[in-house]
Amino acid sequence: MTQNRPYRKRPDRQPQKPQQRPRRKPLDPARRAAFDALRAVSERNAYANLVLPAMLRERGISGRDAAFATELTYGTCRCAGLLDVIIGAAAGRAPETIDPVLLDLLRLGAYQLLRTRVDAHAAVSTTVDQAGIEFDSARAGFVNGVLRTISGRDEQSWVQELAPRNDPVGNAAFVHAHPRWIAQAFADALGAAAGELDAVLASDDERPQIHLAARPGVLTAAELAEAVHGTVGRYSPYAVYLPGGDPGQLEPVREARALVQDEGSQLVARALTLAAVDDDAGRWLDLCAGPGGKTALLAALGAQSGATVTAVEPAEHRADLVVENTRGLPVEVLRVDGRETGLPAQFDRVLVDVPCTGLGALRRRPEARWRRQPSDVPALARLQRELLAAAISLTRPGGVVLYATCSPHLAETVGVVADALRRHPVQALDTRPLFDPVDGLGEGPSVQLWPHRHGTDAMFAAALRRLPED
C-alpha cells in the first residue's frame, strides 16, 4: 500500500528578466559641446572658432564650462594628428579604419588624458558612456580598452616611442603636432634661423592675444586701451592688446571706433601708406578686400589726407562685410574678380593681400593645420601670381604695390614676388623701413613676421614700385 504524501503546489516559474543594458550617463554640457563641435569639423568641414562660440551661446554655456569646452575643442583640433597616431598604436589598428564618430570620441578622451588635468577615471568613463549611447556595449568596450592603454603613459612617453627618428624636421613636427610638410615649409622660410623651428611650432599651440586697432582720426591707442582695460601694442601705433573676453561686446568695437585685427595686419595696411610715392593723388586700391579690416584701416588713414579707397571683393558675403566694416569711410566697393576689374591703371597705392594657405595664422584656426594639404599650394600660388600681375597693371608708373599674404611658405611669398620681378615692370623696394619699429626682420628686402618673435600672425609683405613701360 502506498503512502499518501502531502500535495505540494509547484511554485510558479518566474519569467526570466531580459538582460538590461548598462545605464549610460550622457556627456555633460561642456564635453557635449566639444564633441558636437568636433563632429561639425569632421563632417562638415566647419571652422571650430566659428561653430563653437555659436553653440555655447545657443546652449547657454558660460563661465568655467565654456572655458572647458573651448579648451577641449581647440586643443583636440590642434593635436588631432598626434592623437590619431597614439590612438592607432593603442588600438593596434590604423585610425582611418575606426568609425569617424568613435574616432572623435577617442580624440576627445585621449586629449583629456594627455594634455589636461582632468582625472583619468572621469576622462575614460565619460567617453566610454557616450560610446555606449552612440553605439553599443561592444564598441564602448573598445573605447574603454584604448583609453585605458593610453592612460597608462604620459604624452612624453608616447612621443618618445612614436616620433620619427633621424629626421629633425619630422621629429619637431610630431612633437608639436603639425604635419611634416608644414614644419618643412616653416624651416625653409626660416633659412639660417631654422634653429627656431621648435619655437615657431610651439607658438601655434599658444592661445593668441586678442588685438584691437583704434580707428585713426577717431580714437588713439591710449584712449582705446583705457576704455577696454587693455595694453597699448608693441609695434602698430593703433594696436591694443586685450587679456581676454569677447571683443565683440566692447563698446568701441560695437560703435566702429575700433576693429578686431591682428597687429601684423595693421602693420601691413600701414606699410602701404608709408611707402614713398611722388604726386600721390589719393587713389588707393585694395584688390582683395574681404572681409574689410585692412580696407577700413587704409581708408581711415587715407581720409586724413583726402585719399579714397576702391575695394574689390568678388564673394558677395565678404563684400557685404567690407561694406559693413567701412561704413562712414571714403570707400567704394566693387563686387568683381580682382583679375578682371576693368579699372584703369590709375592707382597710386595698391594693396594685394592674396588668398593663401593661411599657414601664418594656424594658432587662430585650430583645425587648419590638418585640413590644408601640400597639393593646395600650386593652385594658390598660381592665383597669387595672377592677382599680383593684376595689381601691377592697375598701378600707375611711380606708384607702389604692396603684396601681402598670411603664410610664410616660400612658394606663396618670395616665389610669387620673384616671378613678378621677372615678368613685369616693377622694382623691389626695401620693405623693412615701412615696418618700423619692428625688429628681427632679417636681411630684406621683403618682410616676414613671426608669432614667436613678434607676437603677430606670420604675415609676409613685399613692396614693389611700378616702373614706366619701355
Protein backbone atom coordinates (compact mmCIF):
# COMPACT_ATOMS: atom_id res chain seq x y z
CA MET A 1 0.00 0.00 0.00
CA THR A 2 1.44 3.25 -0.99
CA GLN A 3 1.62 6.05 1.49
CA ASN A 4 -0.08 9.22 0.52
CA ARG A 5 2.25 12.19 0.52
CA PRO A 6 1.01 15.68 1.16
CA TYR A 7 0.34 17.61 -2.01
CA ARG A 8 2.78 20.40 -2.62
CA LYS A 9 1.92 23.09 -5.09
CA ARG A 10 4.72 23.74 -7.52
CA PRO A 11 5.85 27.32 -7.33
CA ASP A 12 5.11 29.47 -10.37
CA ARG A 13 8.14 29.77 -12.57
CA GLN A 14 9.24 33.39 -12.56
CA PRO A 15 9.65 34.87 -16.04
CA GLN A 16 13.28 35.48 -16.81
CA LYS A 17 14.07 39.20 -16.95
CA PRO A 18 15.69 40.36 -20.15
CA GLN A 19 19.31 41.34 -19.74
CA GLN A 20 19.43 45.07 -19.23
CA ARG A 21 21.98 47.25 -20.94
CA PRO A 22 24.20 49.14 -18.54
CA ARG A 23 22.90 52.58 -17.76
CA ARG A 24 24.99 55.17 -19.53
CA LYS A 25 25.39 58.73 -18.41
CA PRO A 26 25.40 61.25 -21.28
CA LEU A 27 28.21 63.75 -21.64
CA ASP A 28 27.97 66.85 -19.50
CA PRO A 29 27.15 70.11 -21.37
CA ALA A 30 30.79 71.22 -21.78
CA ARG A 31 32.01 67.88 -23.14
CA ARG A 32 28.88 67.54 -25.26
CA ALA A 33 29.52 70.93 -26.87
CA ALA A 34 33.14 69.96 -27.56
CA PHE A 35 32.09 66.63 -29.07
CA ASP A 36 29.44 68.25 -31.26
CA ALA A 37 31.94 70.86 -32.43
CA LEU A 38 34.44 68.13 -33.31
CA ARG A 39 31.76 66.33 -35.29
CA ALA A 40 30.93 69.55 -37.17
CA VAL A 41 34.62 69.99 -38.04
CA SER A 42 34.95 66.38 -39.20
CA GLU A 43 31.63 66.03 -41.02
CA ARG A 44 31.01 69.47 -42.49
CA ASN A 45 34.49 71.00 -42.63
CA ALA A 46 33.22 73.61 -40.17
CA TYR A 47 35.59 76.06 -38.51
CA ALA A 48 35.90 75.37 -34.80
CA ASN A 49 36.37 79.04 -33.92
CA LEU A 50 33.05 79.83 -35.60
CA VAL A 51 30.87 76.85 -34.71
CA LEU A 52 31.80 76.51 -31.04
CA PRO A 53 31.06 80.09 -29.85
CA ALA A 54 27.65 79.94 -31.56
CA MET A 55 26.96 76.60 -29.91
CA LEU A 56 27.90 77.90 -26.47
CA ARG A 57 25.59 80.89 -26.88
CA GLU A 58 22.68 78.77 -28.09
CA ARG A 59 23.04 76.32 -25.19
CA GLY A 60 23.62 78.94 -22.52
CA ILE A 61 27.04 77.55 -21.59
CA SER A 62 29.23 80.15 -19.93
CA GLY A 63 31.95 80.68 -17.35
CA ARG A 64 34.13 77.71 -16.46
CA ASP A 65 32.06 75.29 -18.53
CA ALA A 66 32.54 77.45 -21.64
CA ALA A 67 36.27 77.70 -20.96
CA PHE A 68 36.47 73.91 -20.54
CA ALA A 69 34.55 73.28 -23.77
CA THR A 70 36.81 75.72 -25.61
CA GLU A 71 39.97 74.06 -24.29
CA LEU A 72 38.73 70.60 -25.26
CA THR A 73 37.59 71.65 -28.74
CA TYR A 74 40.52 73.79 -29.81
CA GLY A 75 43.10 71.58 -28.12
CA THR A 76 41.76 68.40 -29.69
CA CYS A 77 41.62 70.03 -33.13
CA ARG A 78 45.19 71.31 -32.85
CA CYS A 79 46.75 67.97 -31.98
CA ALA A 80 44.37 65.66 -33.86
CA GLY A 81 47.17 64.15 -35.97
CA LEU A 82 49.31 63.37 -32.93
CA LEU A 83 46.31 61.92 -31.10
CA ASP A 84 45.48 59.72 -34.08
CA VAL A 85 48.94 58.16 -34.11
CA ILE A 86 48.72 57.43 -30.38
CA ILE A 87 45.16 56.09 -30.71
CA GLY A 88 46.28 53.87 -33.58
CA ALA A 89 49.17 52.49 -31.51
CA ALA A 90 46.91 51.85 -28.51
CA ALA A 91 44.17 50.26 -30.63
CA GLY A 92 46.51 48.19 -32.77
CA ARG A 93 44.81 49.41 -35.92
CA ALA A 94 45.01 52.37 -38.29
CA PRO A 95 42.89 55.31 -37.10
CA GLU A 96 41.27 55.66 -40.54
CA THR A 97 39.68 52.20 -40.04
CA ILE A 98 37.85 53.41 -36.91
CA ASP A 99 34.32 54.78 -37.28
CA PRO A 100 34.59 58.60 -37.59
CA VAL A 101 32.20 59.24 -34.68
CA LEU A 102 34.07 56.78 -32.50
CA LEU A 103 37.38 58.36 -33.55
CA ASP A 104 36.22 61.83 -32.48
CA LEU A 105 35.18 60.40 -29.12
CA LEU A 106 38.58 58.74 -28.74
CA ARG A 107 40.32 62.01 -29.64
CA LEU A 108 38.27 63.85 -27.03
CA GLY A 109 39.09 61.28 -24.37
CA ALA A 110 42.76 61.00 -25.32
CA TYR A 111 43.22 64.77 -25.26
CA GLN A 112 41.86 64.91 -21.71
CA LEU A 113 44.22 62.13 -20.64
CA LEU A 114 47.36 63.54 -22.25
CA ARG A 115 47.02 67.32 -22.19
CA THR A 116 44.70 68.32 -19.35
CA ARG A 117 44.47 67.87 -15.61
CA VAL A 118 41.16 66.05 -15.87
CA ASP A 119 41.03 62.97 -13.62
CA ALA A 120 41.84 59.91 -15.72
CA HIS A 121 38.80 57.99 -14.46
CA ALA A 122 36.49 60.86 -15.40
CA ALA A 123 38.05 61.20 -18.86
CA VAL A 124 37.66 57.48 -19.56
CA SER A 125 34.23 56.89 -18.01
CA THR A 126 32.52 59.87 -19.66
CA THR A 127 33.88 58.88 -23.06
CA VAL A 128 33.01 55.21 -22.65
CA ASP A 129 29.45 56.04 -21.56
CA GLN A 130 28.93 58.23 -24.61
CA ALA A 131 30.31 55.50 -26.88
CA GLY A 132 27.71 53.14 -25.39
CA ILE A 133 24.96 55.68 -26.08
CA GLU A 134 26.12 56.35 -29.62
CA PHE A 135 26.77 52.69 -30.46
CA ASP A 136 26.67 49.60 -28.24
CA SER A 137 28.45 47.85 -25.38
CA ALA A 138 30.96 46.21 -27.68
CA ARG A 139 32.26 49.49 -29.02
CA ALA A 140 32.08 51.07 -25.60
CA GLY A 141 34.39 48.26 -24.50
CA PHE A 142 36.71 49.02 -27.39
CA VAL A 143 36.87 52.68 -26.34
CA ASN A 144 37.48 51.65 -22.75
CA GLY A 145 40.39 49.43 -23.74
CA VAL A 146 42.03 52.02 -25.98
CA LEU A 147 41.75 54.85 -23.47
CA ARG A 148 43.00 52.72 -20.59
CA THR A 149 46.03 51.80 -22.66
CA ILE A 150 46.65 55.46 -23.45
CA SER A 151 46.21 56.47 -19.79
CA GLY A 152 48.99 54.11 -18.75
CA ARG A 153 51.62 56.55 -20.06
CA ASP A 154 52.03 60.29 -20.39
CA GLU A 155 52.34 62.19 -23.65
CA GLN A 156 56.12 62.44 -23.49
CA SER A 157 56.43 58.67 -23.22
CA TRP A 158 54.17 58.11 -26.22
CA VAL A 159 56.05 60.73 -28.25
CA GLN A 160 59.43 59.19 -27.45
CA GLU A 161 58.21 55.85 -28.75
CA LEU A 162 56.34 57.04 -31.85
CA ALA A 163 58.18 60.15 -33.10
CA PRO A 164 60.28 59.78 -36.29
CA ARG A 165 63.96 59.19 -35.70
CA ASN A 166 66.88 60.57 -37.72
CA ASP A 167 64.57 63.25 -39.11
CA PRO A 168 64.87 66.51 -37.15
CA VAL A 169 62.06 68.28 -39.03
CA GLY A 170 59.76 65.26 -38.82
CA ASN A 171 60.55 64.85 -35.14
CA ALA A 172 59.77 68.52 -34.41
CA ALA A 173 56.56 68.24 -36.41
CA PHE A 174 55.42 65.19 -34.44
CA VAL A 175 56.37 66.63 -31.06
CA HIS A 176 54.41 69.82 -31.78
CA ALA A 177 51.52 68.08 -33.56
CA HIS A 178 51.99 69.51 -37.06
CA PRO A 179 52.01 67.77 -40.44
CA ARG A 180 55.58 67.35 -41.57
CA TRP A 181 55.11 69.37 -44.77
CA ILE A 182 54.09 72.44 -42.75
CA ALA A 183 57.09 72.10 -40.45
CA GLN A 184 59.31 71.83 -43.53
CA ALA A 185 57.74 74.96 -45.02
CA PHE A 186 58.48 76.87 -41.80
CA ALA A 187 62.05 75.57 -41.70
CA ASP A 188 62.59 76.63 -45.33
CA ALA A 189 61.24 80.12 -44.63
CA LEU A 190 63.39 80.48 -41.51
CA GLY A 191 66.50 79.60 -43.51
CA ALA A 192 69.56 80.33 -41.41
CA ALA A 193 67.27 80.71 -38.38
CA ALA A 194 65.92 77.16 -38.72
CA GLY A 195 67.01 76.56 -35.13
CA GLU A 196 63.86 78.48 -34.22
CA LEU A 197 61.61 75.81 -35.73
CA ASP A 198 60.55 74.40 -32.36
CA ALA A 199 59.65 77.88 -31.15
CA VAL A 200 57.56 78.58 -34.27
CA LEU A 201 55.68 75.30 -34.00
CA ALA A 202 55.12 75.75 -30.26
CA SER A 203 53.67 79.22 -30.85
CA ASP A 204 50.85 77.68 -32.90
CA ASP A 205 49.61 75.95 -29.75
CA GLU A 206 49.57 79.10 -27.65
CA ARG A 207 46.31 80.94 -27.20
CA PRO A 208 46.77 84.13 -29.26
CA GLN A 209 46.18 87.50 -27.69
CA ILE A 210 43.23 89.50 -28.92
CA HIS A 211 44.42 92.54 -30.86
CA LEU A 212 42.32 95.64 -31.49
CA ALA A 213 43.01 98.52 -33.86
CA ALA A 214 41.94 102.01 -32.83
CA ARG A 215 40.44 103.79 -35.82
CA PRO A 216 42.82 106.64 -36.84
CA GLY A 217 41.30 110.08 -36.53
CA VAL A 218 38.63 108.81 -34.13
CA LEU A 219 40.42 107.17 -31.24
CA THR A 220 44.04 106.82 -30.13
CA ALA A 221 45.52 103.54 -28.96
CA ALA A 222 45.99 105.01 -25.47
CA GLU A 223 42.34 106.05 -25.31
CA LEU A 224 41.21 102.65 -26.54
CA ALA A 225 43.44 100.82 -24.05
CA GLU A 226 41.98 102.83 -21.21
CA ALA A 227 38.41 102.23 -22.39
CA VAL A 228 38.78 98.43 -22.66
CA HIS A 229 41.34 97.88 -19.86
CA GLY A 230 43.91 96.71 -22.38
CA THR A 231 47.55 97.42 -23.15
CA VAL A 232 48.95 99.62 -25.92
CA GLY A 233 50.53 97.49 -28.64
CA ARG A 234 54.20 96.90 -29.18
CA TYR A 235 54.59 97.95 -32.82
CA SER A 236 51.50 99.35 -34.51
CA PRO A 237 50.53 102.86 -33.33
CA TYR A 238 46.89 101.72 -33.42
CA ALA A 239 47.21 98.38 -31.62
CA VAL A 240 45.80 97.44 -28.24
CA TYR A 241 46.15 94.02 -26.61
CA LEU A 242 43.28 92.51 -24.66
CA PRO A 243 43.76 89.98 -21.86
CA GLY A 244 40.66 88.01 -22.95
CA GLY A 245 36.90 88.14 -23.24
CA ASP A 246 34.56 88.71 -26.16
CA PRO A 247 35.80 91.77 -28.09
CA GLY A 248 32.51 92.00 -29.96
CA GLN A 249 30.84 93.14 -26.73
CA LEU A 250 33.18 96.09 -26.25
CA GLU A 251 31.61 99.49 -26.79
CA PRO A 252 34.37 100.90 -29.05
CA VAL A 253 34.08 97.83 -31.30
CA ARG A 254 30.27 97.95 -31.41
CA GLU A 255 30.46 101.64 -32.30
CA ALA A 256 33.04 101.00 -35.06
CA ARG A 257 35.65 103.17 -33.32
CA ALA A 258 37.88 100.11 -33.13
CA LEU A 259 38.37 96.89 -35.07
CA VAL A 260 39.38 93.38 -34.04
CA GLN A 261 42.56 92.99 -36.09
CA ASP A 262 45.87 91.22 -35.64
CA GLU A 263 48.75 93.64 -35.19
CA GLY A 264 50.54 92.11 -38.18
CA SER A 265 47.60 93.01 -40.42
CA GLN A 266 47.65 96.54 -39.05
CA LEU A 267 51.34 96.83 -39.91
CA VAL A 268 50.69 95.64 -43.47
CA ALA A 269 47.99 98.25 -44.11
CA ARG A 270 50.11 100.98 -42.51
CA ALA A 271 53.17 99.99 -44.58
CA LEU A 272 51.38 100.77 -47.83
CA THR A 273 50.61 104.29 -46.63
CA LEU A 274 54.26 104.90 -45.61
CA ALA A 275 55.82 103.98 -48.97
CA ALA A 276 57.25 106.97 -50.83
CA VAL A 277 55.05 107.93 -53.80
CA ASP A 278 55.59 111.11 -55.83
CA ASP A 279 52.46 113.16 -56.52
CA ASP A 280 50.10 110.88 -54.62
CA ALA A 281 46.65 111.84 -55.92
CA GLY A 282 44.90 109.81 -53.22
CA ARG A 283 43.70 107.00 -55.49
CA TRP A 284 44.19 103.84 -53.44
CA LEU A 285 43.12 100.29 -54.21
CA ASP A 286 42.58 97.20 -52.05
CA LEU A 287 42.40 94.40 -54.60
CA CYS A 288 41.49 91.51 -52.24
CA ALA A 289 39.44 93.42 -49.71
CA GLY A 290 37.21 90.91 -47.88
CA PRO A 291 36.33 90.97 -45.03
CA GLY A 292 37.47 94.60 -44.90
CA GLY A 293 39.69 95.01 -41.86
CA LYS A 294 42.71 96.29 -43.76
CA THR A 295 40.42 98.29 -46.05
CA ALA A 296 38.94 100.09 -43.05
CA LEU A 297 42.35 100.96 -41.64
CA LEU A 298 43.59 102.12 -45.07
CA ALA A 299 40.50 104.27 -45.58
CA ALA A 300 40.74 105.81 -42.11
CA LEU A 301 44.38 106.73 -42.76
CA GLY A 302 43.59 107.94 -46.27
CA ALA A 303 40.73 110.12 -45.05
CA GLN A 304 43.24 112.23 -43.11
CA SER A 305 44.91 113.25 -46.40
CA GLY A 306 41.90 113.22 -48.67
CA ALA A 307 42.55 109.79 -50.23
CA THR A 308 39.77 107.41 -51.22
CA VAL A 309 39.90 103.61 -51.43
CA THR A 310 38.44 101.34 -54.08
CA ALA A 311 37.84 97.91 -52.57
CA VAL A 312 37.50 94.83 -54.79
CA GLU A 313 35.89 91.64 -53.47
CA PRO A 314 34.15 89.03 -55.67
CA ALA A 315 32.43 86.97 -52.93
CA GLU A 316 29.06 88.50 -52.05
CA HIS A 317 29.11 87.74 -48.33
CA ARG A 318 32.66 89.03 -47.97
CA ALA A 319 31.83 92.14 -49.98
CA ASP A 320 28.93 92.74 -47.59
CA LEU A 321 31.41 92.57 -44.70
CA VAL A 322 33.62 95.14 -46.44
CA VAL A 323 30.64 97.48 -46.72
CA GLU A 324 29.79 96.96 -43.06
CA ASN A 325 33.37 97.37 -41.81
CA THR A 326 33.98 100.56 -43.82
CA ARG A 327 30.67 102.30 -43.19
CA GLY A 328 31.19 106.07 -43.00
CA LEU A 329 34.61 105.90 -44.66
CA PRO A 330 35.60 107.01 -48.22
CA VAL A 331 35.38 103.52 -49.74
CA GLU A 332 33.83 102.27 -52.99
CA VAL A 333 33.20 98.51 -53.04
CA LEU A 334 33.31 96.65 -56.37
CA ARG A 335 31.98 93.08 -56.47
CA VAL A 336 34.24 91.75 -59.23
CA ASP A 337 37.16 89.37 -59.68
CA GLY A 338 40.40 91.20 -58.89
CA ARG A 339 41.94 89.76 -62.06
CA GLU A 340 39.25 91.26 -64.28
CA THR A 341 38.21 94.59 -62.78
CA GLY A 342 38.11 96.66 -65.96
CA LEU A 343 39.61 99.55 -63.98
CA PRO A 344 42.20 101.92 -65.49
CA ALA A 345 45.87 101.87 -64.46
CA GLN A 346 45.49 104.96 -62.28
CA PHE A 347 46.12 103.91 -58.68
CA ASP A 348 48.90 105.42 -56.57
CA ARG A 349 48.90 102.74 -53.89
CA VAL A 350 47.65 99.18 -54.27
CA LEU A 351 47.33 96.54 -51.56
CA VAL A 352 47.01 92.95 -52.75
CA ASP A 353 46.58 90.72 -49.69
CA VAL A 354 46.04 87.47 -51.55
CA PRO A 355 44.11 84.31 -50.65
CA CYS A 356 46.59 81.77 -49.27
CA THR A 357 47.05 78.58 -47.26
CA GLY A 358 46.77 80.56 -44.03
CA LEU A 359 49.79 78.79 -42.52
CA GLY A 360 50.70 82.03 -40.77
CA ALA A 361 47.52 82.01 -38.68
CA LEU A 362 47.32 78.37 -37.57
CA ARG A 363 47.13 79.44 -33.92
CA ARG A 364 43.80 81.13 -34.69
CA ARG A 365 42.33 78.24 -36.71
CA PRO A 366 42.77 75.05 -34.69
CA GLU A 367 41.79 72.56 -37.39
CA ALA A 368 43.56 74.27 -40.31
CA ARG A 369 46.91 72.50 -39.95
CA TRP A 370 45.26 69.14 -40.68
CA ARG A 371 42.79 70.41 -43.27
CA ARG A 372 45.33 72.05 -45.57
CA GLN A 373 47.32 69.78 -47.90
CA PRO A 374 50.55 70.40 -49.84
CA SER A 375 48.53 69.88 -53.01
CA ASP A 376 46.70 73.16 -52.21
CA VAL A 377 49.84 75.23 -52.72
CA PRO A 378 50.35 75.15 -56.53
CA ALA A 379 46.81 76.36 -57.36
CA LEU A 380 47.00 79.09 -54.73
CA ALA A 381 50.44 80.21 -55.92
CA ARG A 382 49.08 80.47 -59.47
CA LEU A 383 46.15 82.60 -58.25
CA GLN A 384 48.55 84.76 -56.23
CA ARG A 385 50.75 85.40 -59.28
CA GLU A 386 47.69 86.35 -61.32
CA LEU A 387 46.40 88.75 -58.65
CA LEU A 388 49.81 90.39 -58.23
CA ALA A 389 50.06 90.79 -62.01
CA ALA A 390 46.62 92.43 -62.00
CA ALA A 391 47.64 94.73 -59.13
CA ILE A 392 50.73 95.85 -61.04
CA SER A 393 48.69 96.52 -64.18
CA LEU A 394 46.33 98.76 -62.18
CA THR A 395 49.16 100.83 -60.67
CA ARG A 396 50.31 103.96 -62.45
CA PRO A 397 54.06 104.39 -63.12
CA GLY A 398 55.74 105.58 -59.93
CA GLY A 399 53.01 104.03 -57.78
CA VAL A 400 53.56 101.28 -55.21
CA VAL A 401 52.11 97.79 -54.86
CA LEU A 402 52.27 96.03 -51.50
CA TYR A 403 51.99 92.26 -51.89
CA ALA A 404 50.95 90.52 -48.66
CA THR A 405 49.95 87.06 -47.55
CA CYS A 406 49.35 85.31 -44.23
CA SER A 407 51.72 82.46 -44.96
CA PRO A 408 55.48 82.01 -44.74
CA HIS A 409 55.52 79.27 -47.42
CA LEU A 410 58.21 80.28 -49.92
CA ALA A 411 56.03 79.34 -52.89
CA GLU A 412 53.46 81.89 -51.70
CA THR A 413 55.91 84.62 -50.70
CA VAL A 414 59.30 85.20 -52.30
CA GLY A 415 58.44 82.82 -55.14
CA VAL A 416 55.47 84.95 -56.22
CA VAL A 417 57.44 88.18 -55.88
CA ALA A 418 60.41 86.79 -57.86
CA ASP A 419 58.04 85.80 -60.66
CA ALA A 420 56.62 89.35 -60.76
CA LEU A 421 60.08 90.89 -60.88
CA ARG A 422 60.93 88.73 -63.90
CA ARG A 423 57.70 89.31 -65.81
CA HIS A 424 56.51 92.82 -65.01
CA PRO A 425 57.90 96.39 -64.97
CA VAL A 426 58.44 96.63 -61.21
CA GLN A 427 61.32 97.27 -58.85
CA ALA A 428 61.65 95.70 -55.40
CA LEU A 429 61.76 98.20 -52.54
CA ASP A 430 63.27 97.63 -49.13
CA THR A 431 60.08 96.91 -47.21
CA ARG A 432 61.69 96.83 -43.76
CA PRO A 433 61.63 100.61 -43.10
CA LEU A 434 57.88 100.55 -43.75
CA PHE A 435 57.51 98.25 -40.72
CA ASP A 436 59.49 100.42 -38.31
CA PRO A 437 59.84 99.94 -35.31
CA VAL A 438 59.59 96.16 -35.77
CA ASP A 439 62.89 94.37 -35.17
CA GLY A 440 64.09 90.92 -36.21
CA LEU A 441 63.10 91.37 -39.87
CA GLY A 442 66.15 89.72 -41.40
CA GLU A 443 68.09 90.78 -44.47
CA GLY A 444 65.16 92.03 -46.59
CA PRO A 445 64.11 93.41 -48.94
CA SER A 446 60.81 91.75 -48.04
CA VAL A 447 59.40 91.33 -44.52
CA GLN A 448 58.39 88.13 -42.76
CA LEU A 449 56.71 88.46 -39.36
CA TRP A 450 56.65 85.50 -36.94
CA PRO A 451 54.40 84.78 -33.97
CA HIS A 452 57.28 83.60 -31.78
CA ARG A 453 59.30 86.77 -32.50
CA HIS A 454 56.70 89.46 -32.91
CA GLY A 455 53.51 88.10 -31.35
CA THR A 456 51.68 88.58 -34.66
CA ASP A 457 50.43 86.23 -37.32
CA ALA A 458 53.17 85.18 -39.74
CA MET A 459 52.43 87.89 -42.31
CA PHE A 460 54.67 88.37 -45.35
CA ALA A 461 54.94 91.69 -47.20
CA ALA A 462 56.90 92.97 -50.19
CA ALA A 463 56.72 96.48 -51.66
CA LEU A 464 57.18 96.96 -55.42
CA ARG A 465 57.40 100.19 -57.38
CA ARG A 466 55.76 100.28 -60.81
CA LEU A 467 58.23 101.37 -63.50
CA PRO A 468 57.38 103.15 -66.76
CA GLU A 469 56.83 100.88 -69.74
CA ASP A 470 59.76 100.64 -72.14
